[in-house]
């Protein structure tokens, strides 16, 4: 095991490791806020499916807002970029795409895998397992989107500005 660890270049994987740690924070916010949000939506009279979908959506949005600054500073070392407004817009675009991934994987996993094969478990455990699967896929979509788009100068902003003039 120590031989394997010696061969890993931590500097090369620093952004992924830091993004993972930032992601753990965001995932904790996401995972823990989804439960009371679902209860809240159920109290408003939504059915279980709608309450699950909306609670996953809002838990994700809360965690997205909570992780922008840590991702900018720690994961992608973009503290001094001077492009925070642009990065926030790009962060939100990537996060929105990853939200679609999370919603589809969460609801699809629940409907096609967890409910048919693990129906004897409580609804809470089935939903949380599905939510974790959605969060894992969303994490990957977020990492690659932010790495290659959000915290990188792409020239897209200049192209949009040039089209306006």
C-alpha atoms as a PDB file:
ATOM      1  CA  UNK A   1       0.000   0.000   0.000  1.00  0.00           C
ATOM      2  CA  UNK A   2       2.776   2.474   0.856  1.00  0.00           C
ATOM      3  CA  UNK A   3       4.440   1.651  -2.485  1.00  0.00           C
ATOM      4  CA  UNK A   4       1.221   2.602  -4.265  1.00  0.00           C
ATOM      5  CA  UNK A   5       0.982   5.891  -2.356  1.00  0.00           C
ATOM      6  CA  UNK A   6       4.595   6.772  -3.223  1.00  0.00           C
ATOM      7  CA  UNK A   7       3.755   6.695  -6.921  1.00  0.00           C
ATOM      8  CA  UNK A   8       0.850   9.138  -6.616  1.00  0.00           C
ATOM      9  CA  UNK A   9       1.830  12.682  -7.529  1.00  0.00           C
ATOM     10  CA  UNK A  10      -0.284  14.732  -5.095  1.00  0.00           C
ATOM     11  CA  UNK A  11       0.542  18.017  -6.838  1.00  0.00           C
ATOM     12  CA  UNK A  12      -0.891  16.635 -10.051  1.00  0.00           C
ATOM     13  CA  UNK A  13      -4.138  15.675  -8.292  1.00  0.00           C
ATOM     14  CA  UNK A  14      -4.305  18.633  -5.896  1.00  0.00           C
ATOM     15  CA  UNK A  15      -7.292  20.314  -7.548  1.00  0.00           C
ATOM     16  CA  UNK A  16      -9.264  17.049  -7.544  1.00  0.00           C
ATOM     17  CA  UNK A  17      -8.422  16.349  -3.876  1.00  0.00           C
ATOM     18  CA  UNK A  18      -9.302  19.911  -2.847  1.00  0.00           C
ATOM     19  CA  UNK A  19     -12.464  19.809  -4.946  1.00  0.00           C
ATOM     20  CA  UNK A  20     -13.326  16.504  -3.307  1.00  0.00           C
ATOM     21  CA  UNK A  21     -12.930  18.080   0.148  1.00  0.00           C
ATOM     22  CA  UNK A  22     -14.995  21.072  -0.937  1.00  0.00           C
ATOM     23  CA  UNK A  23     -17.472  18.579  -2.367  1.00  0.00           C
ATOM     24  CA  UNK A  24     -17.689  16.751   0.965  1.00  0.00           C
ATOM     25  CA  UNK A  25     -18.769  20.035   2.535  1.00  0.00           C
ATOM     26  CA  UNK A  26     -21.292  20.689  -0.228  1.00  0.00           C
ATOM     27  CA  UNK A  27     -22.530  17.099  -0.191  1.00  0.00           C
ATOM     28  CA  UNK A  28     -23.059  17.300   3.566  1.00  0.00           C
ATOM     29  CA  UNK A  29     -25.130  20.453   3.151  1.00  0.00           C
ATOM     30  CA  UNK A  30     -27.018  18.857   0.255  1.00  0.00           C
ATOM     31  CA  UNK A  31     -27.589  15.484   1.921  1.00  0.00           C
ATOM     32  CA  UNK A  32     -28.612  16.834   5.329  1.00  0.00           C
ATOM     33  CA  UNK A  33     -30.842  19.659   4.113  1.00  0.00           C
ATOM     34  CA  UNK A  34     -32.803  17.414   1.744  1.00  0.00           C
ATOM     35  CA  UNK A  35     -34.551  15.541   4.553  1.00  0.00           C
ATOM     36  CA  UNK A  36     -36.132  18.542   6.346  1.00  0.00           C
ATOM     37  CA  UNK A  37     -36.924  20.105   2.964  1.00  0.00           C
ATOM     38  CA  UNK A  38     -38.844  16.975   1.935  1.00  0.00           C
ATOM     39  CA  UNK A  39     -40.774  17.007   5.214  1.00  0.00           C
ATOM     40  CA  UNK A  40     -41.549  20.681   4.630  1.00  0.00           C
ATOM     41  CA  UNK A  41     -42.843  19.984   1.102  1.00  0.00           C
ATOM     42  CA  UNK A  42     -44.921  17.055   2.381  1.00  0.00           C
ATOM     43  CA  UNK A  43     -46.409  19.362   5.018  1.00  0.00           C
ATOM     44  CA  UNK A  44     -47.436  21.687   2.179  1.00  0.00           C
ATOM     45  CA  UNK A  45     -49.418  18.802   0.680  1.00  0.00           C
ATOM     46  CA  UNK A  46     -47.093  17.555  -2.051  1.00  0.00           C
ATOM     47  CA  UNK A  47     -47.059  13.855  -2.843  1.00  0.00           C
ATOM     48  CA  UNK A  48     -43.887  11.873  -2.077  1.00  0.00           C
ATOM     49  CA  UNK A  49     -42.498  11.980  -5.629  1.00  0.00           C
ATOM     50  CA  UNK A  50     -42.932  15.734  -6.015  1.00  0.00           C
ATOM     51  CA  UNK A  51     -41.622  16.390  -2.490  1.00  0.00           C
ATOM     52  CA  UNK A  52     -38.542  14.272  -3.244  1.00  0.00           C
ATOM     53  CA  UNK A  53     -37.852  16.016  -6.559  1.00  0.00           C
ATOM     54  CA  UNK A  54     -38.260  19.524  -5.114  1.00  0.00           C
ATOM     55  CA  UNK A  55     -36.291  18.756  -1.957  1.00  0.00           C
ATOM     56  CA  UNK A  56     -33.402  17.369  -4.026  1.00  0.00           C
ATOM     57  CA  UNK A  57     -33.557  20.501  -6.198  1.00  0.00           C
ATOM     58  CA  UNK A  58     -33.497  22.992  -3.298  1.00  0.00           C
ATOM     59  CA  UNK A  59     -30.920  21.049  -1.268  1.00  0.00           C
ATOM     60  CA  UNK A  60     -28.699  21.132  -4.339  1.00  0.00           C
ATOM     61  CA  UNK A  61     -29.206  24.877  -4.842  1.00  0.00           C
ATOM     62  CA  UNK A  62     -28.364  25.587  -1.190  1.00  0.00           C
ATOM     63  CA  UNK A  63     -25.183  23.509  -1.408  1.00  0.00           C
ATOM     64  CA  UNK A  64     -24.218  25.199  -4.701  1.00  0.00           C
ATOM     65  CA  UNK A  65     -24.407  28.623  -3.076  1.00  0.00           C
ATOM     66  CA  UNK A  66     -22.455  27.350  -0.056  1.00  0.00           C
ATOM     67  CA  UNK A  67     -19.599  25.890  -2.126  1.00  0.00           C
ATOM     68  CA  UNK A  68     -18.812  28.591  -4.694  1.00  0.00           C
ATOM     69  CA  UNK A  69     -16.269  30.472  -2.558  1.00  0.00           C
ATOM     70  CA  UNK A  70     -14.519  27.341  -1.191  1.00  0.00           C
ATOM     71  CA  UNK A  71     -14.301  25.878  -4.710  1.00  0.00           C
ATOM     72  CA  UNK A  72     -12.938  29.140  -6.128  1.00  0.00           C
ATOM     73  CA  UNK A  73     -10.321  29.606  -3.423  1.00  0.00           C
ATOM     74  CA  UNK A  74      -9.254  26.093  -2.428  1.00  0.00           C
ATOM     75  CA  UNK A  75     -10.061  23.727  -5.267  1.00  0.00           C
ATOM     76  CA  UNK A  76      -9.154  25.847  -8.279  1.00  0.00           C
ATOM     77  CA  UNK A  77      -6.837  28.486  -6.766  1.00  0.00           C
ATOM     78  CA  UNK A  78      -8.753  31.299  -8.455  1.00  0.00           C
ATOM     79  CA  UNK A  79      -8.843  33.668  -5.461  1.00  0.00           C
ATOM     80  CA  UNK A  80      -7.028  36.468  -7.293  1.00  0.00           C
ATOM     81  CA  UNK A  81      -8.631  35.998 -10.705  1.00  0.00           C
ATOM     82  CA  UNK A  82     -10.696  39.185 -10.577  1.00  0.00           C
ATOM     83  CA  UNK A  83     -13.473  37.401 -12.476  1.00  0.00           C
ATOM     84  CA  UNK A  84     -15.788  36.456  -9.612  1.00  0.00           C
ATOM     85  CA  UNK A  85     -18.973  37.678 -11.294  1.00  0.00           C
ATOM     86  CA  UNK A  86     -18.203  35.810 -14.505  1.00  0.00           C
ATOM     87  CA  UNK A  87     -17.071  32.744 -12.565  1.00  0.00           C
ATOM     88  CA  UNK A  88     -20.299  32.797 -10.532  1.00  0.00           C
ATOM     89  CA  UNK A  89     -22.359  32.809 -13.756  1.00  0.00           C
ATOM     90  CA  UNK A  90     -20.296  29.954 -15.209  1.00  0.00           C
ATOM     91  CA  UNK A  91     -20.400  28.140 -11.838  1.00  0.00           C
ATOM     92  CA  UNK A  92     -24.185  28.421 -11.844  1.00  0.00           C
ATOM     93  CA  UNK A  93     -24.431  27.161 -15.453  1.00  0.00           C
ATOM     94  CA  UNK A  94     -22.299  24.089 -14.700  1.00  0.00           C
ATOM     95  CA  UNK A  95     -24.096  23.526 -11.396  1.00  0.00           C
ATOM     96  CA  UNK A  96     -27.443  23.693 -13.212  1.00  0.00           C
ATOM     97  CA  UNK A  97     -26.334  21.046 -15.691  1.00  0.00           C
ATOM     98  CA  UNK A  98     -25.040  18.895 -12.826  1.00  0.00           C
ATOM     99  CA  UNK A  99     -28.376  19.432 -11.041  1.00  0.00           C
ATOM    100  CA  UNK A 100     -30.147  17.891 -14.022  1.00  0.00           C
ATOM    101  CA  UNK A 101     -27.753  14.951 -13.760  1.00  0.00           C
ATOM    102  CA  UNK A 102     -28.459  14.648 -10.022  1.00  0.00           C
ATOM    103  CA  UNK A 103     -32.243  14.806 -10.451  1.00  0.00           C
ATOM    104  CA  UNK A 104     -32.306  12.267 -13.284  1.00  0.00           C
ATOM    105  CA  UNK A 105     -29.944   9.829 -11.560  1.00  0.00           C
ATOM    106  CA  UNK A 106     -31.701  10.169  -8.181  1.00  0.00           C
ATOM    107  CA  UNK A 107     -35.201   9.649  -9.558  1.00  0.00           C
ATOM    108  CA  UNK A 108     -34.094   7.026 -12.093  1.00  0.00           C
ATOM    109  CA  UNK A 109     -32.128   5.042  -9.511  1.00  0.00           C
ATOM    110  CA  UNK A 110     -35.087   5.100  -7.137  1.00  0.00           C
ATOM    111  CA  UNK A 111     -37.588   4.051  -9.806  1.00  0.00           C
ATOM    112  CA  UNK A 112     -35.580   1.505 -11.781  1.00  0.00           C
ATOM    113  CA  UNK A 113     -33.060   0.043  -9.315  1.00  0.00           C
ATOM    114  CA  UNK A 114     -33.718   0.737  -5.647  1.00  0.00           C
ATOM    115  CA  UNK A 115     -37.508   0.323  -5.483  1.00  0.00           C
ATOM    116  CA  UNK A 116     -37.613  -2.887  -7.583  1.00  0.00           C
ATOM    117  CA  UNK A 117     -34.665  -4.591  -5.883  1.00  0.00           C
ATOM    118  CA  UNK A 118     -34.681  -3.103  -2.382  1.00  0.00           C
ATOM    119  CA  UNK A 119     -38.387  -2.468  -1.838  1.00  0.00           C
ATOM    120  CA  UNK A 120     -38.338  -4.077   1.606  1.00  0.00           C
ATOM    121  CA  UNK A 121     -36.180  -1.218   2.991  1.00  0.00           C
ATOM    122  CA  UNK A 122     -37.829   1.904   4.355  1.00  0.00           C
ATOM    123  CA  UNK A 123     -38.687   4.692   1.940  1.00  0.00           C
ATOM    124  CA  UNK A 124     -36.213   7.017   3.695  1.00  0.00           C
ATOM    125  CA  UNK A 125     -33.286   4.610   3.115  1.00  0.00           C
ATOM    126  CA  UNK A 126     -34.289   3.969  -0.485  1.00  0.00           C
ATOM    127  CA  UNK A 127     -34.536   7.672  -1.217  1.00  0.00           C
ATOM    128  CA  UNK A 128     -31.256   8.489   0.532  1.00  0.00           C
ATOM    129  CA  UNK A 129     -29.412   5.721  -1.351  1.00  0.00           C
ATOM    130  CA  UNK A 130     -30.824   7.065  -4.624  1.00  0.00           C
ATOM    131  CA  UNK A 131     -29.927  10.602  -3.601  1.00  0.00           C
ATOM    132  CA  UNK A 132     -26.322   9.510  -2.922  1.00  0.00           C
ATOM    133  CA  UNK A 133     -26.100   7.935  -6.381  1.00  0.00           C
ATOM    134  CA  UNK A 134     -27.352  11.196  -7.900  1.00  0.00           C
ATOM    135  CA  UNK A 135     -24.899  13.219  -5.820  1.00  0.00           C
ATOM    136  CA  UNK A 136     -21.971  11.041  -6.942  1.00  0.00           C
ATOM    137  CA  UNK A 137     -22.769  11.538 -10.629  1.00  0.00           C
ATOM    138  CA  UNK A 138     -23.379  15.237 -10.051  1.00  0.00           C
ATOM    139  CA  UNK A 139     -20.003  15.537  -8.303  1.00  0.00           C
ATOM    140  CA  UNK A 140     -18.217  14.251 -11.402  1.00  0.00           C
ATOM    141  CA  UNK A 141     -20.197  16.534 -13.711  1.00  0.00           C
ATOM    142  CA  UNK A 142     -19.393  19.496 -11.465  1.00  0.00           C
ATOM    143  CA  UNK A 143     -15.693  18.707 -11.169  1.00  0.00           C
ATOM    144  CA  UNK A 144     -15.063  18.392 -14.886  1.00  0.00           C
ATOM    145  CA  UNK A 145     -17.322  21.326 -15.753  1.00  0.00           C
ATOM    146  CA  UNK A 146     -15.679  23.647 -13.234  1.00  0.00           C
ATOM    147  CA  UNK A 147     -12.180  22.453 -14.077  1.00  0.00           C
ATOM    148  CA  UNK A 148     -12.534  22.943 -17.820  1.00  0.00           C
ATOM    149  CA  UNK A 149     -14.990  25.848 -17.942  1.00  0.00           C
ATOM    150  CA  UNK A 150     -15.780  27.795 -14.768  1.00  0.00           C
ATOM    151  CA  UNK A 151     -12.358  28.663 -13.418  1.00  0.00           C
ATOM    152  CA  UNK A 152     -10.595  28.862 -16.757  1.00  0.00           C
ATOM    153  CA  UNK A 153     -10.451  31.709 -19.232  1.00  0.00           C
ATOM    154  CA  UNK A 154     -12.358  30.354 -22.201  1.00  0.00           C
ATOM    155  CA  UNK A 155     -12.788  33.498 -24.287  1.00  0.00           C
ATOM    156  CA  UNK A 156     -16.569  33.002 -24.277  1.00  0.00           C
ATOM    157  CA  UNK A 157     -17.154  36.275 -22.424  1.00  0.00           C
ATOM    158  CA  UNK A 158     -15.079  38.223 -24.972  1.00  0.00           C
ATOM    159  CA  UNK A 159     -16.955  36.582 -27.858  1.00  0.00           C
ATOM    160  CA  UNK A 160     -20.318  37.555 -26.325  1.00  0.00           C
ATOM    161  CA  UNK A 161     -19.132  41.123 -25.729  1.00  0.00           C
ATOM    162  CA  UNK A 162     -17.809  41.350 -29.299  1.00  0.00           C
ATOM    163  CA  UNK A 163     -21.192  40.235 -30.685  1.00  0.00           C
ATOM    164  CA  UNK A 164     -22.926  43.017 -28.768  1.00  0.00           C
ATOM    165  CA  UNK A 165     -20.700  45.779 -30.217  1.00  0.00           C
END
